[in-house]
N, C-alpha and C. Protein backbone atom coordinates (compact mmCIF):
# COMPACT_ATOMS: atom_id res chain seq x y z
N MET A 1 -6.71 -55.10 34.54
CA MET A 1 -7.89 -54.95 35.39
C MET A 1 -9.07 -54.45 34.57
N ASP A 2 -10.23 -55.03 34.82
CA ASP A 2 -11.44 -54.62 34.12
C ASP A 2 -12.01 -53.36 34.80
N LEU A 3 -11.98 -52.25 34.09
CA LEU A 3 -12.46 -50.98 34.66
C LEU A 3 -13.94 -51.05 35.05
N TRP A 4 -14.69 -51.91 34.40
CA TRP A 4 -16.13 -51.98 34.60
C TRP A 4 -16.54 -52.92 35.73
N GLU A 5 -15.59 -53.71 36.23
CA GLU A 5 -15.89 -54.72 37.26
C GLU A 5 -16.67 -54.16 38.46
N PRO A 6 -16.27 -53.01 39.05
CA PRO A 6 -17.01 -52.51 40.21
C PRO A 6 -18.49 -52.24 39.92
N LEU A 7 -18.81 -51.93 38.67
CA LEU A 7 -20.20 -51.58 38.34
C LEU A 7 -21.08 -52.80 38.12
N ARG A 8 -20.49 -53.99 38.16
CA ARG A 8 -21.31 -55.21 38.06
C ARG A 8 -22.22 -55.35 39.28
N ALA A 9 -21.89 -54.63 40.35
CA ALA A 9 -22.69 -54.68 41.58
C ALA A 9 -23.89 -53.72 41.54
N LEU A 10 -24.00 -52.94 40.46
CA LEU A 10 -25.13 -52.00 40.36
C LEU A 10 -26.45 -52.76 40.33
N PRO A 11 -27.46 -52.22 41.02
CA PRO A 11 -28.80 -52.81 40.88
C PRO A 11 -29.41 -52.40 39.54
N PRO A 12 -30.51 -53.05 39.14
CA PRO A 12 -31.21 -52.62 37.93
C PRO A 12 -31.71 -51.18 38.10
N VAL A 13 -32.03 -50.54 37.00
CA VAL A 13 -32.59 -49.18 37.04
C VAL A 13 -33.91 -49.23 37.80
N ALA A 14 -34.07 -48.31 38.73
CA ALA A 14 -35.30 -48.24 39.54
C ALA A 14 -36.43 -47.64 38.70
N HIS A 15 -37.64 -48.07 39.00
CA HIS A 15 -38.84 -47.52 38.36
C HIS A 15 -39.83 -47.13 39.46
N PRO A 16 -39.45 -46.15 40.31
CA PRO A 16 -40.33 -45.79 41.42
C PRO A 16 -41.62 -45.13 40.93
N VAL A 17 -42.70 -45.44 41.62
CA VAL A 17 -43.97 -44.80 41.31
C VAL A 17 -43.82 -43.30 41.51
N GLY A 18 -44.26 -42.52 40.57
CA GLY A 18 -44.20 -41.07 40.70
C GLY A 18 -42.89 -40.44 40.28
N ALA A 19 -41.94 -41.24 39.78
CA ALA A 19 -40.69 -40.63 39.30
C ALA A 19 -41.01 -39.67 38.17
N ARG A 20 -40.44 -38.48 38.21
CA ARG A 20 -40.77 -37.45 37.23
C ARG A 20 -39.63 -37.13 36.28
N ALA A 21 -38.40 -37.57 36.63
CA ALA A 21 -37.26 -37.23 35.79
C ALA A 21 -36.25 -38.37 35.81
N ALA A 22 -35.39 -38.38 34.78
CA ALA A 22 -34.31 -39.36 34.71
C ALA A 22 -33.09 -38.66 34.13
N VAL A 23 -31.92 -39.15 34.54
CA VAL A 23 -30.67 -38.65 33.99
C VAL A 23 -29.83 -39.83 33.53
N LEU A 24 -28.98 -39.57 32.54
CA LEU A 24 -28.02 -40.56 32.10
C LEU A 24 -26.71 -40.29 32.82
N VAL A 25 -26.12 -41.35 33.39
CA VAL A 25 -24.80 -41.27 34.01
C VAL A 25 -23.87 -41.97 33.01
N PRO A 26 -23.38 -41.22 31.99
CA PRO A 26 -22.63 -41.84 30.91
C PRO A 26 -21.15 -41.97 31.24
N LEU A 27 -20.64 -43.18 31.08
CA LEU A 27 -19.24 -43.49 31.36
C LEU A 27 -18.60 -44.10 30.12
N TYR A 28 -17.34 -43.76 29.89
CA TYR A 28 -16.62 -44.39 28.78
C TYR A 28 -15.15 -44.56 29.15
N GLU A 29 -14.52 -45.53 28.50
CA GLU A 29 -13.11 -45.80 28.74
C GLU A 29 -12.24 -44.77 28.04
N ASP A 30 -11.21 -44.34 28.77
CA ASP A 30 -10.19 -43.45 28.21
C ASP A 30 -8.86 -43.94 28.76
N GLY A 31 -8.18 -44.79 27.99
CA GLY A 31 -6.94 -45.38 28.46
C GLY A 31 -7.21 -46.29 29.64
N ASP A 32 -6.51 -46.03 30.75
CA ASP A 32 -6.66 -46.88 31.93
C ASP A 32 -7.61 -46.28 32.97
N ASP A 33 -8.51 -45.43 32.53
CA ASP A 33 -9.47 -44.81 33.44
C ASP A 33 -10.83 -44.70 32.75
N LEU A 34 -11.84 -44.42 33.54
CA LEU A 34 -13.16 -44.12 33.01
C LEU A 34 -13.37 -42.62 33.10
N ARG A 35 -14.13 -42.10 32.16
CA ARG A 35 -14.56 -40.71 32.22
C ARG A 35 -16.08 -40.69 32.33
N VAL A 36 -16.58 -39.66 32.97
CA VAL A 36 -18.02 -39.44 33.09
C VAL A 36 -18.34 -38.16 32.33
N ILE A 37 -19.50 -38.13 31.69
CA ILE A 37 -19.90 -36.94 30.93
C ILE A 37 -20.93 -36.16 31.74
N LEU A 38 -20.60 -34.90 31.99
CA LEU A 38 -21.49 -33.96 32.69
C LEU A 38 -21.68 -32.74 31.80
N THR A 39 -22.65 -31.93 32.12
CA THR A 39 -22.85 -30.68 31.38
C THR A 39 -23.02 -29.53 32.37
N ARG A 40 -22.76 -28.32 31.90
CA ARG A 40 -23.16 -27.14 32.67
C ARG A 40 -24.36 -26.56 31.96
N ARG A 41 -25.47 -26.49 32.70
CA ARG A 41 -26.71 -25.97 32.11
C ARG A 41 -26.54 -24.51 31.71
N HIS A 42 -27.24 -24.15 30.65
CA HIS A 42 -27.21 -22.78 30.15
C HIS A 42 -27.68 -21.83 31.24
N GLY A 43 -27.06 -20.68 31.31
CA GLY A 43 -27.40 -19.69 32.33
C GLY A 43 -28.79 -19.11 32.21
N ASP A 44 -29.43 -19.30 31.05
CA ASP A 44 -30.79 -18.78 30.85
C ASP A 44 -31.88 -19.81 31.15
N MET A 45 -31.50 -21.01 31.59
CA MET A 45 -32.49 -22.06 31.86
C MET A 45 -33.37 -21.64 33.04
N PRO A 46 -34.67 -21.97 32.99
CA PRO A 46 -35.58 -21.56 34.07
C PRO A 46 -35.30 -22.25 35.40
N THR A 47 -34.70 -23.46 35.37
CA THR A 47 -34.36 -24.15 36.61
C THR A 47 -32.91 -24.61 36.56
N HIS A 48 -32.25 -24.56 37.69
CA HIS A 48 -30.87 -25.04 37.83
C HIS A 48 -29.91 -24.40 36.83
N ALA A 49 -30.14 -23.14 36.51
CA ALA A 49 -29.29 -22.42 35.55
C ALA A 49 -27.85 -22.43 36.02
N GLY A 50 -26.93 -22.77 35.11
CA GLY A 50 -25.51 -22.76 35.42
C GLY A 50 -25.00 -23.94 36.24
N ASP A 51 -25.89 -24.84 36.65
CA ASP A 51 -25.46 -25.99 37.46
C ASP A 51 -24.77 -27.04 36.60
N VAL A 52 -23.83 -27.77 37.19
CA VAL A 52 -23.19 -28.92 36.54
C VAL A 52 -24.07 -30.13 36.84
N VAL A 53 -24.53 -30.80 35.78
CA VAL A 53 -25.51 -31.88 35.91
C VAL A 53 -25.22 -32.99 34.91
N PHE A 54 -25.92 -34.10 35.07
CA PHE A 54 -25.93 -35.14 34.06
C PHE A 54 -26.97 -34.78 33.01
N PRO A 55 -26.81 -35.26 31.76
CA PRO A 55 -27.87 -35.05 30.77
C PRO A 55 -29.14 -35.73 31.27
N GLY A 56 -30.25 -35.04 31.17
CA GLY A 56 -31.50 -35.64 31.62
C GLY A 56 -32.64 -34.66 31.60
N GLY A 57 -33.81 -35.14 31.99
CA GLY A 57 -34.98 -34.29 32.00
C GLY A 57 -36.22 -35.05 32.40
N MET A 58 -37.35 -34.46 32.09
CA MET A 58 -38.65 -34.99 32.51
C MET A 58 -39.02 -36.25 31.72
N ILE A 59 -39.59 -37.22 32.46
CA ILE A 59 -40.08 -38.45 31.84
C ILE A 59 -41.38 -38.12 31.11
N GLU A 60 -41.43 -38.45 29.83
CA GLU A 60 -42.63 -38.18 29.03
C GLU A 60 -43.54 -39.41 29.01
N ALA A 61 -44.79 -39.20 28.67
CA ALA A 61 -45.78 -40.29 28.61
C ALA A 61 -45.26 -41.42 27.75
N GLY A 62 -45.39 -42.64 28.27
CA GLY A 62 -44.97 -43.82 27.52
C GLY A 62 -43.50 -44.16 27.66
N GLU A 63 -42.74 -43.36 28.38
CA GLU A 63 -41.31 -43.61 28.57
C GLU A 63 -41.04 -44.18 29.96
N GLY A 64 -39.97 -44.97 30.03
CA GLY A 64 -39.39 -45.35 31.31
C GLY A 64 -38.14 -44.52 31.50
N PRO A 65 -37.49 -44.63 32.64
CA PRO A 65 -36.27 -43.85 32.89
C PRO A 65 -35.18 -44.06 31.84
N GLU A 66 -35.03 -45.31 31.36
CA GLU A 66 -33.98 -45.58 30.38
C GLU A 66 -34.22 -44.81 29.08
N GLU A 67 -35.45 -44.82 28.61
CA GLU A 67 -35.78 -44.11 27.37
C GLU A 67 -35.61 -42.60 27.54
N THR A 68 -36.03 -42.09 28.68
CA THR A 68 -35.86 -40.66 28.95
C THR A 68 -34.39 -40.28 28.96
N ALA A 69 -33.58 -41.07 29.65
CA ALA A 69 -32.15 -40.76 29.75
C ALA A 69 -31.49 -40.77 28.37
N ARG A 70 -31.83 -41.76 27.54
CA ARG A 70 -31.26 -41.83 26.18
C ARG A 70 -31.71 -40.63 25.35
N ARG A 71 -33.00 -40.33 25.40
CA ARG A 71 -33.54 -39.23 24.60
C ARG A 71 -32.91 -37.90 25.00
N GLU A 72 -32.83 -37.67 26.30
CA GLU A 72 -32.27 -36.40 26.77
C GLU A 72 -30.79 -36.26 26.44
N ALA A 73 -30.03 -37.37 26.53
CA ALA A 73 -28.61 -37.30 26.17
C ALA A 73 -28.44 -37.00 24.68
N TRP A 74 -29.33 -37.53 23.85
CA TRP A 74 -29.30 -37.22 22.42
C TRP A 74 -29.61 -35.74 22.19
N GLU A 75 -30.66 -35.24 22.86
CA GLU A 75 -31.07 -33.84 22.68
C GLU A 75 -30.04 -32.86 23.24
N GLU A 76 -29.44 -33.18 24.37
CA GLU A 76 -28.57 -32.22 25.06
C GLU A 76 -27.12 -32.24 24.61
N ILE A 77 -26.58 -33.43 24.27
CA ILE A 77 -25.16 -33.49 23.93
C ILE A 77 -24.87 -34.24 22.63
N GLY A 78 -25.93 -34.69 21.92
CA GLY A 78 -25.71 -35.38 20.65
C GLY A 78 -25.16 -36.78 20.81
N LEU A 79 -25.44 -37.45 21.94
CA LEU A 79 -25.01 -38.82 22.15
C LEU A 79 -26.07 -39.74 21.55
N PRO A 80 -25.73 -40.45 20.46
CA PRO A 80 -26.74 -41.30 19.81
C PRO A 80 -27.28 -42.37 20.76
N PRO A 81 -28.60 -42.57 20.78
CA PRO A 81 -29.19 -43.58 21.67
C PRO A 81 -28.59 -44.97 21.50
N ASP A 82 -28.16 -45.32 20.28
CA ASP A 82 -27.60 -46.65 20.07
C ASP A 82 -26.14 -46.75 20.54
N HIS A 83 -25.60 -45.66 21.09
CA HIS A 83 -24.26 -45.67 21.68
C HIS A 83 -24.33 -45.87 23.20
N VAL A 84 -25.53 -46.12 23.72
CA VAL A 84 -25.77 -46.19 25.16
C VAL A 84 -26.16 -47.61 25.56
N GLU A 85 -25.31 -48.23 26.40
CA GLU A 85 -25.61 -49.56 26.95
C GLU A 85 -25.88 -49.40 28.44
N VAL A 86 -27.14 -49.52 28.81
CA VAL A 86 -27.52 -49.37 30.23
C VAL A 86 -26.96 -50.55 31.01
N ILE A 87 -26.26 -50.25 32.11
CA ILE A 87 -25.67 -51.31 32.93
C ILE A 87 -26.27 -51.38 34.33
N GLY A 88 -27.10 -50.42 34.69
CA GLY A 88 -27.73 -50.45 36.00
C GLY A 88 -28.18 -49.07 36.42
N GLY A 89 -28.56 -48.96 37.68
CA GLY A 89 -29.05 -47.68 38.17
C GLY A 89 -28.52 -47.37 39.55
N LEU A 90 -28.53 -46.09 39.86
CA LEU A 90 -28.21 -45.64 41.21
C LEU A 90 -29.53 -45.40 41.94
N GLU A 91 -29.44 -45.26 43.24
CA GLU A 91 -30.62 -44.96 44.06
C GLU A 91 -31.24 -43.65 43.58
N PRO A 92 -32.56 -43.62 43.33
CA PRO A 92 -33.20 -42.37 42.95
C PRO A 92 -32.98 -41.30 44.02
N VAL A 93 -32.90 -40.05 43.57
CA VAL A 93 -32.66 -38.93 44.48
C VAL A 93 -33.75 -37.89 44.30
N THR A 94 -33.83 -36.99 45.27
CA THR A 94 -34.75 -35.86 45.16
C THR A 94 -33.93 -34.58 45.12
N THR A 95 -34.55 -33.54 44.59
CA THR A 95 -33.92 -32.22 44.58
C THR A 95 -34.44 -31.44 45.77
N ARG A 96 -34.17 -30.15 45.77
CA ARG A 96 -34.68 -29.30 46.85
C ARG A 96 -36.20 -29.42 46.94
N ALA A 97 -36.85 -29.59 45.79
CA ALA A 97 -38.30 -29.85 45.79
C ALA A 97 -38.44 -31.36 46.00
N LEU A 98 -38.74 -31.79 47.21
CA LEU A 98 -38.68 -33.20 47.56
C LEU A 98 -39.61 -34.09 46.74
N GLU A 99 -40.61 -33.50 46.11
CA GLU A 99 -41.50 -34.33 45.28
C GLU A 99 -40.89 -34.66 43.93
N MET A 100 -39.74 -34.06 43.58
CA MET A 100 -39.09 -34.32 42.30
C MET A 100 -38.12 -35.50 42.45
N VAL A 101 -38.61 -36.70 42.10
CA VAL A 101 -37.77 -37.90 42.17
C VAL A 101 -37.06 -38.06 40.82
N ILE A 102 -35.72 -38.20 40.90
CA ILE A 102 -34.89 -38.34 39.69
C ILE A 102 -34.26 -39.73 39.71
N VAL A 103 -34.39 -40.44 38.58
CA VAL A 103 -33.83 -41.78 38.46
C VAL A 103 -32.52 -41.71 37.67
N PRO A 104 -31.38 -42.06 38.30
CA PRO A 104 -30.10 -42.10 37.58
C PRO A 104 -29.92 -43.43 36.85
N VAL A 105 -29.63 -43.35 35.55
CA VAL A 105 -29.44 -44.51 34.69
C VAL A 105 -27.95 -44.57 34.32
N VAL A 106 -27.24 -45.56 34.83
CA VAL A 106 -25.80 -45.68 34.57
C VAL A 106 -25.59 -46.46 33.28
N ALA A 107 -24.73 -45.92 32.41
CA ALA A 107 -24.53 -46.55 31.11
C ALA A 107 -23.07 -46.50 30.67
N ARG A 108 -22.69 -47.54 29.98
CA ARG A 108 -21.42 -47.58 29.26
C ARG A 108 -21.74 -47.01 27.88
N VAL A 109 -21.00 -45.98 27.47
CA VAL A 109 -21.30 -45.34 26.19
C VAL A 109 -20.11 -45.41 25.24
N ARG A 110 -20.44 -45.43 23.97
CA ARG A 110 -19.44 -45.24 22.92
C ARG A 110 -19.46 -43.76 22.61
N ARG A 111 -18.40 -43.08 23.00
CA ARG A 111 -18.36 -41.64 22.80
C ARG A 111 -18.13 -41.34 21.33
N PRO A 112 -19.03 -40.56 20.71
CA PRO A 112 -18.78 -40.17 19.32
C PRO A 112 -17.57 -39.24 19.24
N ALA A 113 -17.03 -39.06 18.05
CA ALA A 113 -15.87 -38.18 17.87
C ALA A 113 -16.16 -36.77 18.38
N VAL A 114 -17.40 -36.33 18.21
CA VAL A 114 -17.78 -34.99 18.63
C VAL A 114 -19.10 -35.06 19.39
N LEU A 115 -19.13 -34.45 20.58
CA LEU A 115 -20.38 -34.25 21.30
C LEU A 115 -20.86 -32.85 20.98
N VAL A 116 -22.14 -32.70 20.73
CA VAL A 116 -22.69 -31.41 20.29
C VAL A 116 -23.65 -30.88 21.36
N PRO A 117 -23.22 -29.84 22.10
CA PRO A 117 -24.11 -29.29 23.13
C PRO A 117 -25.30 -28.57 22.52
N SER A 118 -26.48 -28.81 23.09
CA SER A 118 -27.68 -28.10 22.66
C SER A 118 -27.49 -26.62 23.00
N PRO A 119 -27.59 -25.72 22.00
CA PRO A 119 -27.32 -24.30 22.28
C PRO A 119 -28.29 -23.67 23.27
N THR A 120 -29.48 -24.23 23.44
CA THR A 120 -30.45 -23.65 24.37
C THR A 120 -30.37 -24.24 25.77
N GLU A 121 -29.69 -25.40 25.91
CA GLU A 121 -29.68 -26.07 27.21
C GLU A 121 -28.30 -26.23 27.84
N VAL A 122 -27.26 -26.37 27.03
CA VAL A 122 -25.94 -26.74 27.53
C VAL A 122 -24.90 -25.71 27.12
N GLU A 123 -24.20 -25.15 28.12
CA GLU A 123 -23.11 -24.21 27.83
C GLU A 123 -21.78 -24.92 27.63
N VAL A 124 -21.54 -25.97 28.43
CA VAL A 124 -20.26 -26.65 28.41
C VAL A 124 -20.47 -28.14 28.68
N ILE A 125 -19.70 -28.99 28.00
CA ILE A 125 -19.66 -30.42 28.29
C ILE A 125 -18.36 -30.68 29.05
N LEU A 126 -18.48 -31.34 30.20
CA LEU A 126 -17.33 -31.69 31.03
C LEU A 126 -17.14 -33.20 30.98
N GLU A 127 -15.88 -33.65 30.96
CA GLU A 127 -15.60 -35.08 30.90
C GLU A 127 -14.48 -35.45 31.88
N PRO A 128 -14.74 -35.29 33.18
CA PRO A 128 -13.69 -35.59 34.16
C PRO A 128 -13.38 -37.09 34.24
N ARG A 129 -12.13 -37.36 34.58
CA ARG A 129 -11.72 -38.75 34.84
C ARG A 129 -12.27 -39.18 36.19
N LEU A 130 -12.64 -40.45 36.28
CA LEU A 130 -13.12 -40.99 37.55
C LEU A 130 -12.05 -40.83 38.64
N ALA A 131 -10.77 -40.99 38.25
CA ALA A 131 -9.68 -40.84 39.23
C ALA A 131 -9.71 -39.45 39.87
N GLU A 132 -10.02 -38.43 39.09
CA GLU A 132 -10.12 -37.07 39.64
C GLU A 132 -11.26 -36.99 40.65
N LEU A 133 -12.39 -37.57 40.30
CA LEU A 133 -13.56 -37.51 41.18
C LEU A 133 -13.36 -38.36 42.44
N LEU A 134 -12.56 -39.42 42.34
CA LEU A 134 -12.29 -40.27 43.49
C LEU A 134 -11.33 -39.62 44.48
N ASP A 135 -10.62 -38.59 44.07
CA ASP A 135 -9.69 -37.87 44.94
C ASP A 135 -10.50 -37.04 45.95
N GLN A 136 -10.54 -37.50 47.18
CA GLN A 136 -11.37 -36.84 48.20
C GLN A 136 -10.95 -35.40 48.47
N SER A 137 -9.69 -35.05 48.16
CA SER A 137 -9.23 -33.68 48.41
C SER A 137 -9.87 -32.68 47.45
N THR A 138 -10.54 -33.18 46.40
CA THR A 138 -11.19 -32.28 45.44
C THR A 138 -12.64 -31.98 45.83
N TRP A 139 -13.10 -32.56 46.93
CA TRP A 139 -14.48 -32.39 47.40
C TRP A 139 -14.51 -31.55 48.67
N ARG A 140 -15.62 -30.84 48.84
CA ARG A 140 -15.88 -30.10 50.07
C ARG A 140 -17.28 -30.48 50.51
N GLU A 141 -17.48 -30.61 51.81
CA GLU A 141 -18.83 -30.90 52.30
C GLU A 141 -19.27 -29.84 53.30
N GLU A 142 -20.56 -29.59 53.30
CA GLU A 142 -21.16 -28.64 54.23
C GLU A 142 -22.43 -29.25 54.80
N VAL A 143 -22.69 -28.97 56.04
CA VAL A 143 -23.93 -29.42 56.65
C VAL A 143 -24.92 -28.27 56.61
N TRP A 144 -26.06 -28.51 55.97
CA TRP A 144 -27.14 -27.53 55.88
C TRP A 144 -28.33 -28.15 56.60
N GLY A 145 -28.60 -27.67 57.79
CA GLY A 145 -29.70 -28.25 58.57
C GLY A 145 -29.38 -29.70 58.88
N ASP A 146 -30.24 -30.61 58.45
CA ASP A 146 -30.00 -32.04 58.70
C ASP A 146 -29.47 -32.76 57.46
N HIS A 147 -28.97 -32.00 56.49
CA HIS A 147 -28.43 -32.59 55.26
C HIS A 147 -26.94 -32.26 55.10
N THR A 148 -26.20 -33.22 54.56
CA THR A 148 -24.82 -32.97 54.17
C THR A 148 -24.81 -32.75 52.67
N LEU A 149 -24.26 -31.62 52.25
CA LEU A 149 -24.15 -31.32 50.83
C LEU A 149 -22.70 -31.42 50.40
N TRP A 150 -22.48 -31.99 49.22
CA TRP A 150 -21.15 -32.14 48.66
C TRP A 150 -20.97 -31.15 47.53
N PHE A 151 -19.74 -30.66 47.39
CA PHE A 151 -19.39 -29.70 46.34
C PHE A 151 -18.08 -30.12 45.68
N HIS A 152 -18.04 -30.04 44.37
CA HIS A 152 -16.80 -30.31 43.61
C HIS A 152 -16.69 -29.19 42.57
N LEU A 153 -15.64 -28.40 42.68
CA LEU A 153 -15.46 -27.27 41.77
C LEU A 153 -14.62 -27.68 40.56
N PHE A 154 -15.18 -27.48 39.39
CA PHE A 154 -14.46 -27.62 38.13
C PHE A 154 -14.15 -26.20 37.64
N PRO A 155 -13.16 -26.03 36.78
CA PRO A 155 -12.95 -24.70 36.19
C PRO A 155 -14.22 -24.18 35.49
N GLU A 156 -15.04 -25.12 34.98
CA GLU A 156 -16.25 -24.73 34.23
C GLU A 156 -17.46 -24.48 35.12
N GLY A 157 -17.42 -24.88 36.39
CA GLY A 157 -18.57 -24.67 37.24
C GLY A 157 -18.59 -25.60 38.44
N MET A 158 -19.62 -25.45 39.26
CA MET A 158 -19.75 -26.19 40.52
C MET A 158 -20.70 -27.38 40.37
N LEU A 159 -20.22 -28.53 40.81
CA LEU A 159 -21.04 -29.73 40.93
C LEU A 159 -21.50 -29.78 42.38
N TRP A 160 -22.82 -29.84 42.57
CA TRP A 160 -23.33 -29.88 43.94
C TRP A 160 -24.76 -30.41 43.91
N GLY A 161 -25.41 -30.47 45.06
CA GLY A 161 -26.82 -30.85 45.14
C GLY A 161 -27.07 -32.29 44.74
N ALA A 162 -28.22 -32.51 44.08
CA ALA A 162 -28.64 -33.87 43.71
C ALA A 162 -27.61 -34.55 42.81
N THR A 163 -27.02 -33.81 41.87
CA THR A 163 -26.05 -34.42 40.97
C THR A 163 -24.80 -34.85 41.74
N ALA A 164 -24.36 -34.04 42.68
CA ALA A 164 -23.20 -34.43 43.50
C ALA A 164 -23.52 -35.68 44.31
N ARG A 165 -24.75 -35.80 44.83
CA ARG A 165 -25.13 -37.01 45.56
C ARG A 165 -25.08 -38.22 44.64
N MET A 166 -25.51 -38.06 43.39
CA MET A 166 -25.45 -39.17 42.44
C MET A 166 -24.00 -39.56 42.15
N VAL A 167 -23.14 -38.55 41.94
CA VAL A 167 -21.73 -38.84 41.66
C VAL A 167 -21.11 -39.55 42.86
N ARG A 168 -21.37 -39.08 44.07
CA ARG A 168 -20.82 -39.72 45.27
C ARG A 168 -21.33 -41.17 45.38
N SER A 169 -22.57 -41.40 45.03
CA SER A 169 -23.12 -42.76 45.03
C SER A 169 -22.38 -43.63 44.03
N LEU A 170 -22.15 -43.12 42.83
CA LEU A 170 -21.39 -43.84 41.81
C LEU A 170 -19.98 -44.15 42.31
N LEU A 171 -19.32 -43.19 42.92
CA LEU A 171 -17.95 -43.37 43.41
C LEU A 171 -17.87 -44.46 44.48
N GLY A 172 -18.96 -44.64 45.20
CA GLY A 172 -19.00 -45.68 46.23
C GLY A 172 -18.73 -47.07 45.67
N TYR A 173 -19.05 -47.30 44.42
CA TYR A 173 -18.81 -48.60 43.80
C TYR A 173 -17.32 -48.82 43.52
N PHE A 174 -16.53 -47.76 43.55
CA PHE A 174 -15.11 -47.86 43.25
C PHE A 174 -14.24 -47.71 44.51
N ALA A 175 -14.89 -47.55 45.65
CA ALA A 175 -14.14 -47.34 46.91
C ALA A 175 -13.55 -48.64 47.42
């Protein structure tokens, strides 16, 4: 079975007007499963300190979401830009600050022998198997006002918020 087959249904990467940030959703083959690369942000970061997130950040002048996602993955975890093959995008999401539109860029990556976390931005690199994330018993949901929030606890930290929505969107392609 082709592990990548479900992702052939991904739409192209979105380029919404006013998008301010992009993240890389990096996936790689590990035996008969895919793994996704996440990070836990450094506890001293001014925003989202300690959160489990995808590598990413603010779109700089002259960049599109794909370039931002590649650059940020290089800066945050040492993933060389030429190891990233963009295969599509997920629906852009917003954070608690609704004006912050984040574009998720899904990519097949060649994982280098060693990923190097940026000492100022990343405390831990997580590489869960997709099978683990697809196990619904590992998720918890809560209704906050008119929103449903998803939570997935790793030993290294909590995945929740916008990143959890992106992961759940990705998992939808494998359901």
